[in-house]
Amino acid sequence: MRLLAGAEYLQDYSFNDHVAHHYFCKRCGVHPYEFVDLPAENRQYYNVNVNCVEELDMDAVMAAPIHHVDGLHDRWDRVPAEIRHL
């Protein structure tokens, strides 16, 4: 992920152990992305709100694979028992 412009409009929101940094636009409140730093696991990643990507190809988004994980029970390697509502 590379932010090209607008960093001055973003506010970082983090809580608890501060591994996840949720960025929000100070002007409109949109949540464009978050950065997660897990040093104990030796990994970092971004979650990007694809609707904030310029020139988004909606057909490509709709055709993208979906991977469900059971975050409610901290079972990130498993699909939740119920996914009909997702």
Protein backbone atom coordinates (compact mmCIF):
# COMPACT_ATOMS: atom_id res chain seq x y z
CA MET A 1 0.00 0.00 0.00
CA ARG A 2 1.31 3.41 -0.90
CA LEU A 3 -0.45 6.63 0.08
CA LEU A 4 0.23 9.22 -2.61
CA ALA A 5 -1.54 12.26 -1.13
CA GLY A 6 -3.75 13.44 1.70
CA ALA A 7 -1.80 12.18 4.73
CA GLU A 8 -2.49 15.50 6.47
CA TYR A 9 -6.23 14.65 6.47
CA LEU A 10 -5.79 11.30 8.20
CA GLN A 11 -6.13 10.60 11.91
CA ASP A 12 -4.72 7.42 13.47
CA TYR A 13 -6.98 5.60 15.93
CA SER A 14 -5.43 2.80 17.95
CA PHE A 15 -6.42 1.06 21.18
CA ASN A 16 -5.43 -1.73 23.60
CA ASP A 17 -2.01 -3.04 22.56
CA HIS A 18 -1.76 -0.59 19.61
CA VAL A 19 -0.84 -3.19 16.99
CA ALA A 20 -3.58 -1.98 14.64
CA HIS A 21 -3.65 1.62 13.43
CA HIS A 22 -7.05 2.55 11.98
CA TYR A 23 -6.86 5.64 9.80
CA PHE A 24 -9.86 7.91 9.32
CA CYS A 25 -10.33 11.06 7.26
CA LYS A 26 -10.54 14.08 9.60
CA ARG A 27 -12.92 15.81 7.18
CA CYS A 28 -15.44 13.14 6.19
CA GLY A 29 -14.86 10.20 8.55
CA VAL A 30 -14.15 7.61 5.85
CA HIS A 31 -11.93 4.70 6.95
CA PRO A 32 -9.59 4.18 3.95
CA TYR A 33 -7.15 1.69 5.51
CA GLU A 34 -5.49 0.29 8.58
CA PHE A 35 -1.96 -0.84 9.26
CA VAL A 36 -1.32 -3.83 11.52
CA ASP A 37 2.11 -4.48 13.05
CA LEU A 38 2.61 -7.87 14.75
CA PRO A 39 6.29 -7.96 15.79
CA ALA A 40 5.80 -11.14 17.87
CA GLU A 41 4.69 -12.90 14.67
CA ASN A 42 7.27 -11.07 12.54
CA ARG A 43 4.64 -9.69 10.15
CA GLN A 44 2.91 -6.49 9.10
CA TYR A 45 -0.02 -5.94 6.78
CA TYR A 46 -2.56 -3.42 5.53
CA ASN A 47 -6.32 -3.74 5.26
CA VAL A 48 -7.51 -1.41 2.50
CA ASN A 49 -11.06 -0.20 1.90
CA VAL A 50 -11.12 -0.91 -1.84
CA ASN A 51 -13.90 1.64 -2.33
CA CYS A 52 -11.30 4.32 -1.58
CA VAL A 53 -9.02 3.21 -4.44
CA GLU A 54 -9.07 5.57 -7.40
CA GLU A 55 -10.15 4.11 -10.74
CA LEU A 56 -11.51 1.01 -9.02
CA ASP A 57 -12.62 -1.71 -11.44
CA MET A 58 -15.84 -2.87 -9.77
CA ASP A 59 -16.03 -5.96 -12.03
CA ALA A 60 -12.61 -7.05 -10.78
CA VAL A 61 -13.69 -6.47 -7.17
CA MET A 62 -16.86 -8.50 -7.64
CA ALA A 63 -14.88 -11.35 -9.21
CA ALA A 64 -12.23 -11.40 -6.47
CA PRO A 65 -12.16 -14.44 -4.18
CA ILE A 66 -13.55 -14.09 -0.67
CA HIS A 67 -11.86 -15.76 2.29
CA HIS A 68 -13.84 -15.87 5.54
CA VAL A 69 -12.08 -16.25 8.90
CA ASP A 70 -13.49 -16.78 12.39
CA GLY A 71 -12.17 -13.66 14.13
CA LEU A 72 -14.94 -13.79 16.73
CA HIS A 73 -13.31 -16.86 18.28
CA ASP A 74 -9.70 -15.95 17.34
CA ARG A 75 -9.63 -18.85 14.88
CA TRP A 76 -8.04 -17.02 11.99
CA ASP A 77 -7.26 -20.29 10.22
CA ARG A 78 -10.92 -21.44 10.14
CA VAL A 79 -14.12 -20.46 8.38
CA PRO A 80 -16.89 -19.37 10.79
CA ALA A 81 -19.69 -21.86 11.38
CA GLU A 82 -22.21 -19.39 9.88
CA ILE A 83 -21.45 -17.18 6.87
CA ARG A 84 -24.89 -16.78 5.21
CA HIS A 85 -25.13 -13.19 6.50
CA LEU A 86 -21.72 -12.14 5.21
